Amino acid sequence: MPTYEYRCKKCATEFEIRQSFADDPLTHCVDESCNGTVNKVFRGVGISFKGDGFYKNDHGASSKTRRPSSDTSDSDSSKDTSDSSKDTSN
Protein backbone atom coordinates (compact mmCIF):
# COMPACT_ATOMS: atom_id res chain seq x y z
CA MET A 1 0.00 0.00 0.00
CA PRO A 2 1.26 3.48 -0.80
CA THR A 3 2.12 6.06 1.83
CA TYR A 4 0.61 9.51 1.40
CA GLU A 5 1.78 12.69 3.05
CA TYR A 6 -0.69 15.32 4.26
CA ARG A 7 -0.36 18.83 5.70
CA CYS A 8 -2.95 20.54 7.89
CA LYS A 9 -3.94 24.04 6.77
CA LYS A 10 -4.74 25.14 10.31
CA CYS A 11 -1.87 23.82 12.47
CA ALA A 12 0.69 23.05 9.70
CA THR A 13 1.21 19.53 11.04
CA GLU A 14 2.61 17.12 8.46
CA PHE A 15 1.87 13.41 8.73
CA GLU A 16 2.02 10.23 6.65
CA ILE A 17 -0.80 7.72 6.25
CA ARG A 18 -0.71 4.33 4.50
CA GLN A 19 -3.82 4.09 2.35
CA SER A 20 -5.11 1.85 -0.39
CA PHE A 21 -5.67 3.33 -3.84
CA ALA A 22 -9.38 2.70 -3.32
CA ASP A 23 -9.51 4.70 -0.04
CA ASP A 24 -10.81 8.25 -0.10
CA PRO A 25 -8.23 10.94 0.73
CA LEU A 26 -8.25 12.37 4.24
CA THR A 27 -10.06 15.67 4.75
CA HIS A 28 -9.40 16.47 8.44
CA CYS A 29 -6.29 16.69 10.60
CA VAL A 30 -5.33 13.65 12.68
CA ASP A 31 -4.86 15.94 15.70
CA GLU A 32 -8.34 15.84 17.24
CA SER A 33 -7.87 19.17 19.03
CA CYS A 34 -7.13 20.92 15.70
CA ASN A 35 -9.64 19.24 13.35
CA GLY A 36 -8.46 21.46 10.48
CA THR A 37 -8.66 20.58 6.79
CA VAL A 38 -5.72 18.84 5.12
CA ASN A 39 -4.14 18.74 1.67
CA LYS A 40 -2.00 16.03 0.12
CA VAL A 41 1.65 16.97 -0.18
CA PHE A 42 3.31 16.05 -3.48
CA ARG A 43 7.07 15.88 -3.64
CA GLY A 44 9.40 15.23 -6.53
CA VAL A 45 11.14 11.89 -6.71
CA GLY A 46 14.66 11.14 -7.80
CA ILE A 47 15.24 8.72 -10.64
CA SER A 48 18.45 6.74 -10.83
CA PHE A 49 19.19 4.67 -13.94
CA LYS A 50 21.32 1.69 -12.93
CA GLY A 51 22.12 -1.64 -14.49
CA ASP A 52 22.08 -2.99 -18.02
CA GLY A 53 19.82 -1.61 -20.70
CA PHE A 54 20.49 2.10 -20.57
CA TYR A 55 22.53 4.49 -22.75
CA LYS A 56 25.82 2.62 -22.49
CA ASN A 57 24.34 -0.63 -23.79
CA ASP A 58 21.45 0.45 -25.98
CA HIS A 59 22.09 3.69 -27.82
CA GLY A 60 25.84 4.20 -27.66
CA ALA A 61 26.91 0.84 -29.04
CA SER A 62 24.41 0.72 -31.88
CA SER A 63 25.15 4.23 -33.12
CA LYS A 64 28.91 3.54 -33.06
CA THR A 65 28.49 0.42 -35.18
CA ARG A 66 26.33 2.24 -37.71
CA ARG A 67 28.69 5.16 -38.29
CA PRO A 68 31.75 3.27 -39.59
CA SER A 69 29.70 1.42 -42.19
CA SER A 70 28.19 4.65 -43.57
CA ASP A 71 31.56 6.46 -43.40
CA THR A 72 33.20 3.65 -45.35
CA SER A 73 30.63 3.81 -48.13
CA ASP A 74 31.01 7.60 -48.35
CA SER A 75 34.78 7.36 -48.60
CA ASP A 76 34.51 4.61 -51.24
CA SER A 77 32.19 6.71 -53.37
CA SER A 78 34.53 9.71 -53.12
CA LYS A 79 37.43 7.52 -54.26
CA ASP A 80 35.38 6.32 -57.22
CA THR A 81 34.58 9.92 -58.15
CA SER A 82 38.22 10.97 -57.98
CA ASP A 83 39.27 7.93 -60.04
CA SER A 84 36.73 8.70 -62.74
CA SER A 85 37.82 12.33 -62.88
CA LYS A 86 41.41 11.21 -63.44
CA ASP A 87 40.32 8.97 -66.30
CA THR A 88 38.49 11.79 -68.09
CA SER A 89 41.40 14.20 -67.81
CA ASN A 90 43.83 11.86 -69.68
PDB file of N, CA and C in Angstrom:
ATOM      1  N   MET A   1       0.839  -1.188   0.000  1.00  0.00           N
ATOM      2  CA  MET A   1       0.000   0.000   0.000  1.00  0.00           C
ATOM      3  C   MET A   1       0.880   1.245   0.000  1.00  0.00           C
ATOM      4  N   PRO A   2       0.469   2.251  -0.748  1.00  0.00           N
ATOM      5  CA  PRO A   2       1.263   3.482  -0.800  1.00  0.00           C
ATOM      6  C   PRO A   2       1.117   4.326   0.465  1.00  0.00           C
ATOM      7  N   THR A   3       2.136   5.125   0.702  1.00  0.00           N
ATOM      8  CA  THR A   3       2.124   6.055   1.826  1.00  0.00           C
ATOM      9  C   THR A   3       1.901   7.455   1.276  1.00  0.00           C
ATOM     10  N   TYR A   4       0.923   8.152   1.822  1.00  0.00           N
ATOM     11  CA  TYR A   4       0.605   9.515   1.395  1.00  0.00           C
ATOM     12  C   TYR A   4       0.972  10.485   2.501  1.00  0.00           C
ATOM     13  N   GLU A   5       1.416  11.656   2.097  1.00  0.00           N
ATOM     14  CA  GLU A   5       1.784  12.693   3.048  1.00  0.00           C
ATOM     15  C   GLU A   5       0.745  13.806   2.983  1.00  0.00           C
ATOM     16  N   TYR A   6       0.319  14.265   4.150  1.00  0.00           N
ATOM     17  CA  TYR A   6      -0.690  15.318   4.258  1.00  0.00           C
ATOM     18  C   TYR A   6      -0.148  16.455   5.109  1.00  0.00           C
ATOM     19  N   ARG A   7      -0.695  17.660   4.894  1.00  0.00           N
ATOM     20  CA  ARG A   7      -0.357  18.830   5.702  1.00  0.00           C
ATOM     21  C   ARG A   7      -1.650  19.533   6.089  1.00  0.00           C
ATOM     22  N   CYS A   8      -1.762  19.846   7.381  1.00  0.00           N
ATOM     23  CA  CYS A   8      -2.947  20.542   7.889  1.00  0.00           C
ATOM     24  C   CYS A   8      -2.837  22.031   7.567  1.00  0.00           C
ATOM     25  N   LYS A   9      -3.926  22.610   7.081  1.00  0.00           N
ATOM     26  CA  LYS A   9      -3.942  24.042   6.765  1.00  0.00           C
ATOM     27  C   LYS A   9      -3.975  24.894   8.028  1.00  0.00           C
ATOM     28  N   LYS A  10      -4.547  24.363   9.081  1.00  0.00           N
ATOM     29  CA  LYS A  10      -4.741  25.141  10.306  1.00  0.00           C
ATOM     30  C   LYS A  10      -3.505  25.120  11.213  1.00  0.00           C
ATOM     31  N   CYS A  11      -2.989  23.926  11.524  1.00  0.00           N
ATOM     32  CA  CYS A  11      -1.870  23.823  12.471  1.00  0.00           C
ATOM     33  C   CYS A  11      -0.531  23.508  11.802  1.00  0.00           C
ATOM     34  N   ALA A  12      -0.518  23.320  10.492  1.00  0.00           N
ATOM     35  CA  ALA A  12       0.686  23.052   9.698  1.00  0.00           C
ATOM     36  C   ALA A  12       1.380  21.739  10.074  1.00  0.00           C
ATOM     37  N   THR A  13       0.661  20.842  10.711  1.00  0.00           N
ATOM     38  CA  THR A  13       1.209  19.526  11.038  1.00  0.00           C
ATOM     39  C   THR A  13       1.304  18.691   9.767  1.00  0.00           C
ATOM     40  N   GLU A  14       2.446  18.028   9.586  1.00  0.00           N
ATOM     41  CA  GLU A  14       2.611  17.118   8.455  1.00  0.00           C
ATOM     42  C   GLU A  14       2.624  15.695   8.990  1.00  0.00           C
ATOM     43  N   PHE A  15       1.925  14.806   8.292  1.00  0.00           N
ATOM     44  CA  PHE A  15       1.871  13.409   8.726  1.00  0.00           C
ATOM     45  C   PHE A  15       1.719  12.498   7.518  1.00  0.00           C
ATOM     46  N   GLU A  16       2.108  11.234   7.707  1.00  0.00           N
ATOM     47  CA  GLU A  16       2.019  10.234   6.650  1.00  0.00           C
ATOM     48  C   GLU A  16       0.988   9.184   7.034  1.00  0.00           C
ATOM     49  N   ILE A  17       0.227   8.742   6.046  1.00  0.00           N
ATOM     50  CA  ILE A  17      -0.796   7.717   6.247  1.00  0.00           C
ATOM     51  C   ILE A  17      -0.658   6.683   5.135  1.00  0.00           C
ATOM     52  N   ARG A  18      -0.691   5.405   5.504  1.00  0.00           N
ATOM     53  CA  ARG A  18      -0.715   4.334   4.500  1.00  0.00           C
ATOM     54  C   ARG A  18      -2.161   4.084   4.127  1.00  0.00           C
ATOM     55  N   GLN A  19      -2.452   4.247   2.839  1.00  0.00           N
ATOM     56  CA  GLN A  19      -3.817   4.087   2.350  1.00  0.00           C
ATOM     57  C   GLN A  19      -3.813   3.254   1.083  1.00  0.00           C
ATOM     58  N   SER A  20      -4.907   2.572   0.856  1.00  0.00           N
ATOM     59  CA  SER A  20      -5.107   1.848  -0.387  1.00  0.00           C
ATOM     60  C   SER A  20      -5.461   2.858  -1.476  1.00  0.00           C
ATOM     61  N   PHE A  21      -5.275   2.454  -2.728  1.00  0.00           N
ATOM     62  CA  PHE A  21      -5.672   3.326  -3.837  1.00  0.00           C
ATOM     63  C   PHE A  21      -7.179   3.563  -3.826  1.00  0.00           C
ATOM     64  N   ALA A  22      -7.921   2.606  -3.331  1.00  0.00           N
ATOM     65  CA  ALA A  22      -9.381   2.704  -3.316  1.00  0.00           C
ATOM     66  C   ALA A  22      -9.899   3.594  -2.192  1.00  0.00           C
ATOM     67  N   ASP A  23      -9.078   3.864  -1.165  1.00  0.00           N
ATOM     68  CA  ASP A  23      -9.515   4.701  -0.041  1.00  0.00           C
ATOM     69  C   ASP A  23      -9.672   6.153  -0.470  1.00  0.00           C
ATOM     70  N   ASP A  24     -10.633   6.818   0.142  1.00  0.00           N
ATOM     71  CA  ASP A  24     -10.814   8.252  -0.095  1.00  0.00           C
ATOM     72  C   ASP A  24      -9.708   9.023   0.621  1.00  0.00           C
ATOM     73  N   PRO A  25      -9.256  10.147   0.052  1.00  0.00           N
ATOM     74  CA  PRO A  25      -8.225  10.940   0.730  1.00  0.00           C
ATOM     75  C   PRO A  25      -8.763  11.533   2.031  1.00  0.00           C
ATOM     76  N   LEU A  26      -7.852  11.774   2.971  1.00  0.00           N
ATOM     77  CA  LEU A  26      -8.252  12.374   4.242  1.00  0.00           C
ATOM     78  C   LEU A  26      -8.681  13.819   4.019  1.00  0.00           C
ATOM     79  N   THR A  27      -9.589  14.285   4.857  1.00  0.00           N
ATOM     80  CA  THR A  27     -10.060  15.665   4.749  1.00  0.00           C
ATOM     81  C   THR A  27      -9.810  16.466   6.020  1.00  0.00           C
ATOM     82  N   HIS A  28      -9.587  15.774   7.156  1.00  0.00           N
ATOM     83  CA  HIS A  28      -9.403  16.466   8.435  1.00  0.00           C
ATOM     84  C   HIS A  28      -8.106  16.026   9.102  1.00  0.00           C
ATOM     85  N   CYS A  29      -7.547  16.914   9.893  1.00  0.00           N
ATOM     86  CA  CYS A  29      -6.291  16.686  10.600  1.00  0.00           C
ATOM     87  C   CYS A  29      -6.423  15.514  11.574  1.00  0.00           C
ATOM     88  N   VAL A  30      -5.319  14.779  11.745  1.00  0.00           N
ATOM     89  CA  VAL A  30      -5.327  13.650  12.679  1.00  0.00           C
ATOM     90  C   VAL A  30      -5.288  14.124  14.125  1.00  0.00           C
ATOM     91  N   ASP A  31      -4.852  15.365  14.350  1.00  0.00           N
ATOM     92  CA  ASP A  31      -4.861  15.942  15.697  1.00  0.00           C
ATOM     93  C   ASP A  31      -6.299  16.343  16.020  1.00  0.00           C
ATOM     94  N   GLU A  32      -6.915  15.625  16.935  1.00  0.00           N
ATOM     95  CA  GLU A  32      -8.336  15.842  17.243  1.00  0.00           C
ATOM     96  C   GLU A  32      -8.612  17.229  17.804  1.00  0.00           C
ATOM     97  N   SER A  33      -7.646  17.840  18.479  1.00  0.00           N
ATOM     98  CA  SER A  33      -7.867  19.174  19.030  1.00  0.00           C
ATOM     99  C   SER A  33      -7.867  20.236  17.927  1.00  0.00           C
ATOM    100  N   CYS A  34      -7.199  19.967  16.817  1.00  0.00           N
ATOM    101  CA  CYS A  34      -7.128  20.920  15.703  1.00  0.00           C
ATOM    102  C   CYS A  34      -8.348  20.772  14.797  1.00  0.00           C
ATOM    103  N   ASN A  35      -8.532  19.569  14.258  1.00  0.00           N
ATOM    104  CA  ASN A  35      -9.639  19.243  13.355  1.00  0.00           C
ATOM    105  C   ASN A  35      -9.695  20.160  12.121  1.00  0.00           C
ATOM    106  N   GLY A  36      -8.525  20.625  11.669  1.00  0.00           N
ATOM    107  CA  GLY A  36      -8.463  21.464  10.475  1.00  0.00           C
ATOM    108  C   GLY A  36      -8.512  20.624   9.206  1.00  0.00           C
ATOM    109  N   THR A  37      -8.641  21.294   8.067  1.00  0.00           N
ATOM    110  CA  THR A  37      -8.663  20.581   6.787  1.00  0.00           C
ATOM    111  C   THR A  37      -7.224  20.309   6.330  1.00  0.00           C
ATOM    112  N   VAL A  38      -7.051  19.242   5.568  1.00  0.00           N
ATOM    113  CA  VAL A  38      -5.719  18.845   5.124  1.00  0.00           C
ATOM    114  C   VAL A  38      -5.650  18.763   3.605  1.00  0.00           C
ATOM    115  N   ASN A  39      -4.443  18.911   3.090  1.00  0.00           N
ATOM    116  CA  ASN A  39      -4.144  18.735   1.669  1.00  0.00           C
ATOM    117  C   ASN A  39      -3.058  17.683   1.531  1.00  0.00           C
ATOM    118  N   LYS A  40      -3.091  16.959   0.412  1.00  0.00           N
ATOM    119  CA  LYS A  40      -2.000  16.031   0.121  1.00  0.00           C
ATOM    120  C   LYS A  40      -0.769  16.835  -0.259  1.00  0.00           C
ATOM    121  N   VAL A  41       0.384  16.345   0.159  1.00  0.00           N
ATOM    122  CA  VAL A  41       1.654  16.973  -0.182  1.00  0.00           C
ATOM    123  C   VAL A  41       2.305  16.121  -1.264  1.00  0.00           C
ATOM    124  N   PHE A  42       2.650  16.746  -2.380  1.00  0.00           N
ATOM    125  CA  PHE A  42       3.305  16.045  -3.483  1.00  0.00           C
ATOM    126  C   PHE A  42       4.747  16.511  -3.562  1.00  0.00           C
ATOM    127  N   ARG A  43       5.643  15.570  -3.571  1.00  0.00           N
ATOM    128  CA  ARG A  43       7.070  15.884  -3.640  1.00  0.00           C
ATOM    129  C   ARG A  43       7.664  15.212  -4.870  1.00  0.00           C
ATOM    130  N   GLY A  44       8.695  15.826  -5.394  1.00  0.00           N
ATOM    131  CA  GLY A  44       9.402  15.234  -6.526  1.00  0.00           C
ATOM    132  C   GLY A  44      10.183  14.008  -6.090  1.00  0.00           C
ATOM    133  N   VAL A  45      10.377  13.103  -7.011  1.00  0.00           N
ATOM    134  CA  VAL A  45      11.136  11.890  -6.713  1.00  0.00           C
ATOM    135  C   VAL A  45      12.380  11.850  -7.584  1.00  0.00           C
ATOM    136  N   GLY A  46      13.425  11.294  -7.049  1.00  0.00           N
ATOM    137  CA  GLY A  46      14.659  11.144  -7.803  1.00  0.00           C
ATOM    138  C   GLY A  46      14.645   9.849  -8.592  1.00  0.00           C
ATOM    139  N   ILE A  47      15.168   9.907  -9.798  1.00  0.00           N
ATOM    140  CA  ILE A  47      15.239   8.718 -10.639  1.00  0.00           C
ATOM    141  C   ILE A  47      16.710   8.404 -10.869  1.00  0.00           C
ATOM    142  N   SER A  48      17.079   7.176 -10.626  1.00  0.00           N
ATOM    143  CA  SER A  48      18.453   6.742 -10.831  1.00  0.00           C
ATOM    144  C   SER A  48      18.459   5.564 -11.789  1.00  0.00           C
ATOM    145  N   PHE A  49      19.115   5.730 -12.939  1.00  0.00           N
ATOM    146  CA  PHE A  49      19.190   4.673 -13.935  1.00  0.00           C
ATOM    147  C   PHE A  49      20.429   3.834 -13.653  1.00  0.00           C
ATOM    148  N   LYS A  50      20.212   2.586 -13.239  1.00  0.00           N
ATOM    149  CA  LYS A  50      21.317   1.687 -12.931  1.00  0.00           C
ATOM    150  C   LYS A  50      21.118   0.376 -13.660  1.00  0.00           C
ATOM    151  N   GLY A  51      22.204  -0.302 -13.915  1.00  0.00           N
ATOM    152  CA  GLY A  51      22.123  -1.635 -14.491  1.00  0.00           C
ATOM    153  C   GLY A  51      22.187  -1.632 -16.003  1.00  0.00           C
ATOM    154  N   ASP A  52      22.024  -2.819 -16.567  1.00  0.00           N
ATOM    155  CA  ASP A  52      22.077  -2.991 -18.015  1.00  0.00           C
ATOM    156  C   ASP A  52      20.839  -2.415 -18.676  1.00  0.00           C
ATOM    157  N   GLY A  53      20.972  -2.040 -19.933  1.00  0.00           N
ATOM    158  CA  GLY A  53      19.822  -1.611 -20.703  1.00  0.00           C
ATOM    159  C   GLY A  53      19.656  -0.118 -20.850  1.00  0.00           C
ATOM    160  N   PHE A  54      20.618   0.669 -20.414  1.00  0.00           N
ATOM    161  CA  PHE A  54      20.491   2.104 -20.567  1.00  0.00           C
ATOM    162  C   PHE A  54      21.496   2.601 -21.599  1.00  0.00           C
ATOM    163  N   TYR A  55      21.767   3.861 -21.665  1.00  0.00           N
ATOM    164  CA  TYR A  55      22.525   4.493 -22.746  1.00  0.00           C
ATOM    165  C   TYR A  55      23.776   3.712 -23.142  1.00  0.00           C
ATOM    166  N   LYS A  56      24.553   3.278 -22.186  1.00  0.00           N
ATOM    167  CA  LYS A  56      25.816   2.617 -22.493  1.00  0.00           C
ATOM    168  C   LYS A  56      25.597   1.375 -23.350  1.00  0.00           C
ATOM    169  N   ASN A  57      24.559   0.627 -23.078  1.00  0.00           N
ATOM    170  CA  ASN A  57      24.342  -0.628 -23.793  1.00  0.00           C
ATOM    171  C   ASN A  57      23.414  -0.481 -24.991  1.00  0.00           C
ATOM    172  N   ASP A  58      22.450   0.372 -24.926  1.00  0.00           N
ATOM    173  CA  ASP A  58      21.451   0.447 -25.984  1.00  0.00           C
ATOM    174  C   ASP A  58      21.829   1.409 -27.104  1.00  0.00           C
ATOM    175  N   HIS A  59      21.941   2.675 -26.784  1.00  0.00           N
ATOM    176  CA  HIS A  59      22.093   3.692 -27.816  1.00  0.00           C
ATOM    177  C   HIS A  59      23.537   3.875 -28.258  1.00  0.00           C
ATOM    178  N   GLY A  60      24.454   3.912 -27.321  1.00  0.00           N
ATOM    179  CA  GLY A  60      25.835   4.204 -27.658  1.00  0.00           C
ATOM    180  C   GLY A  60      26.468   3.163 -28.556  1.00  0.00           C
ATOM    181  N   ALA A  61      26.270   1.901 -28.264  1.00  0.00           N
ATOM    182  CA  ALA A  61      26.913   0.842 -29.044  1.00  0.00           C
ATOM    183  C   ALA A  61      26.321   0.749 -30.439  1.00  0.00           C
ATOM    184  N   SER A  62      25.026   0.863 -30.572  1.00  0.00           N
ATOM    185  CA  SER A  62      24.405   0.718 -31.884  1.00  0.00           C
ATOM    186  C   SER A  62      24.742   1.891 -32.799  1.00  0.00           C
ATOM    187  N   SER A  63      24.833   3.094 -32.266  1.00  0.00           N
ATOM    188  CA  SER A  63      25.153   4.233 -33.118  1.00  0.00           C
ATOM    189  C   SER A  63      26.625   4.208 -33.528  1.00  0.00           C
ATOM    190  N   LYS A  64      27.502   3.648 -32.698  1.00  0.00           N
ATOM    191  CA  LYS A  64      28.912   3.541 -33.065  1.00  0.00           C
ATOM    192  C   LYS A  64      29.099   2.519 -34.174  1.00  0.00           C
ATOM    193  N   THR A  65      28.340   1.441 -34.143  1.00  0.00           N
ATOM    194  CA  THR A  65      28.494   0.424 -35.183  1.00  0.00           C
ATOM    195  C   THR A  65      27.900   0.883 -36.500  1.00  0.00           C
ATOM    196  N   ARG A  66      26.940   1.752 -36.475  1.00  0.00           N
ATOM    197  CA  ARG A  66      26.330   2.241 -37.710  1.00  0.00           C
ATOM    198  C   ARG A  66      27.222   3.249 -38.418  1.00  0.00           C
ATOM    199  N   ARG A  67      27.902   4.085 -37.686  1.00  0.00           N
ATOM    200  CA  ARG A  67      28.690   5.156 -38.295  1.00  0.00           C
ATOM    201  C   ARG A  67      29.830   4.650 -39.174  1.00  0.00           C
ATOM    202  N   PRO A  68      30.640   3.695 -38.723  1.00  0.00           N
ATOM    203  CA  PRO A  68      31.745   3.272 -39.589  1.00  0.00           C
ATOM    204  C   PRO A  68      31.270   2.705 -40.917  1.00  0.00           C
ATOM    205  N   SER A  69      30.165   1.986 -40.939  1.00  0.00           N
ATOM    206  CA  SER A  69      29.697   1.415 -42.195  1.00  0.00           C
ATOM    207  C   SER A  69      29.254   2.511 -43.161  1.00  0.00           C
ATOM    208  N   SER A  70      28.615   3.561 -42.683  1.00  0.00           N
ATOM    209  CA  SER A  70      28.193   4.648 -43.566  1.00  0.00           C
ATOM    210  C   SER A  70      29.388   5.510 -43.974  1.00  0.00           C
ATOM    211  N   ASP A  71      30.362   5.691 -43.069  1.00  0.00           N
ATOM    212  CA  ASP A  71      31.559   6.459 -43.403  1.00  0.00           C
ATOM    213  C   ASP A  71      32.380   5.740 -44.465  1.00  0.00           C
ATOM    214  N   THR A  72      32.434   4.432 -44.384  1.00  0.00           N
ATOM    215  CA  THR A  72      33.198   3.650 -45.349  1.00  0.00           C
ATOM    216  C   THR A  72      32.586   3.770 -46.733  1.00  0.00           C
ATOM    217  N   SER A  73      31.277   3.704 -46.822  1.00  0.00           N
ATOM    218  CA  SER A  73      30.629   3.810 -48.129  1.00  0.00           C
ATOM    219  C   SER A  73      30.797   5.214 -48.708  1.00  0.00           C
ATOM    220  N   ASP A  74      30.797   6.237 -47.862  1.00  0.00           N
ATOM    221  CA  ASP A  74      31.012   7.599 -48.346  1.00  0.00           C
ATOM    222  C   ASP A  74      32.432   7.767 -48.870  1.00  0.00           C
ATOM    223  N   SER A  75      33.399   7.213 -48.160  1.00  0.00           N
ATOM    224  CA  SER A  75      34.781   7.364 -48.603  1.00  0.00           C
ATOM    225  C   SER A  75      35.031   6.552 -49.868  1.00  0.00           C
ATOM    226  N   ASP A  76      34.375   5.399 -50.016  1.00  0.00           N
ATOM    227  CA  ASP A  76      34.514   4.608 -51.236  1.00  0.00           C
ATOM    228  C   ASP A  76      33.941   5.351 -52.435  1.00  0.00           C
ATOM    229  N   SER A  77      32.806   5.985 -52.265  1.00  0.00           N
ATOM    230  CA  SER A  77      32.190   6.706 -53.373  1.00  0.00           C
ATOM    231  C   SER A  77      33.024   7.919 -53.762  1.00  0.00           C
ATOM    232  N   SER A  78      33.675   8.571 -52.789  1.00  0.00           N
ATOM    233  CA  SER A  78      34.526   9.708 -53.121  1.00  0.00           C
ATOM    234  C   SER A  78      35.772   9.243 -53.856  1.00  0.00           C
ATOM    235  N   LYS A  79      36.280   8.056 -53.527  1.00  0.00           N
ATOM    236  CA  LYS A  79      37.427   7.516 -54.257  1.00  0.00           C
ATOM    237  C   LYS A  79      37.041   7.201 -55.696  1.00  0.00           C
ATOM    238  N   ASP A  80      35.849   6.638 -55.878  1.00  0.00           N
ATOM    239  CA  ASP A  80      35.381   6.325 -57.221  1.00  0.00           C
ATOM    240  C   ASP A  80      35.244   7.596 -58.053  1.00  0.00           C
ATOM    241  N   THR A  81      34.754   8.652 -57.458  1.00  0.00           N
ATOM    242  CA  THR A  81      34.579   9.916 -58.154  1.00  0.00           C
ATOM    243  C   THR A  81      35.934  10.489 -58.557  1.00  0.00           C
ATOM    244  N   SER A  82      36.902  10.428 -57.651  1.00  0.00           N
ATOM    245  CA  SER A  82      38.216  10.965 -57.978  1.00  0.00           C
ATOM    246  C   SER A  82      38.908  10.116 -59.036  1.00  0.00           C
ATOM    247  N   ASP A  83      38.694   8.806 -59.021  1.00  0.00           N
ATOM    248  CA  ASP A  83      39.275   7.932 -60.040  1.00  0.00           C
ATOM    249  C   ASP A  83      38.673   8.223 -61.408  1.00  0.00           C
ATOM    250  N   SER A  84      37.377   8.426 -61.458  1.00  0.00           N
ATOM    251  CA  SER A  84      36.726   8.697 -62.739  1.00  0.00           C
ATOM    252  C   SER A  84      37.139  10.055 -63.286  1.00  0.00           C
ATOM    253  N   SER A  85      37.392  11.030 -62.404  1.00  0.00           N
ATOM    254  CA  SER A  85      37.820  12.333 -62.883  1.00  0.00           C
ATOM    255  C   SER A  85      39.235  12.257 -63.446  1.00  0.00           C
ATOM    256  N   LYS A  86      40.057  11.385 -62.911  1.00  0.00           N
ATOM    257  CA  LYS A  86      41.409  11.207 -63.441  1.00  0.00           C
ATOM    258  C   LYS A  86      41.358  10.580 -64.826  1.00  0.00           C
ATOM    259  N   ASP A  87      40.429   9.638 -65.014  1.00  0.00           N
ATOM    260  CA  ASP A  87      40.325   8.965 -66.303  1.00  0.00           C
ATOM    261  C   ASP A  87      39.881   9.937 -67.393  1.00  0.00           C
ATOM    262  N   THR A  88      38.998  10.859 -67.090  1.00  0.00           N
ATOM    263  CA  THR A  88      38.490  11.785 -68.091  1.00  0.00           C
ATOM    264  C   THR A  88      39.512  12.856 -68.441  1.00  0.00           C
ATOM    265  N   SER A  89      40.426  13.162 -67.521  1.00  0.00           N
ATOM    266  CA  SER A  89      41.403  14.202 -67.805  1.00  0.00           C
ATOM    267  C   SER A  89      42.535  13.696 -68.694  1.00  0.00           C
ATOM    268  N   ASN A  90      42.747  12.411 -68.845  1.00  0.00           N
ATOM    269  CA  ASN A  90      43.825  11.861 -69.679  1.00  0.00           C
ATOM    270  C   ASN A  90      43.494  11.872 -71.105  1.00  0.00           C
TER     271      ASN A  90
END
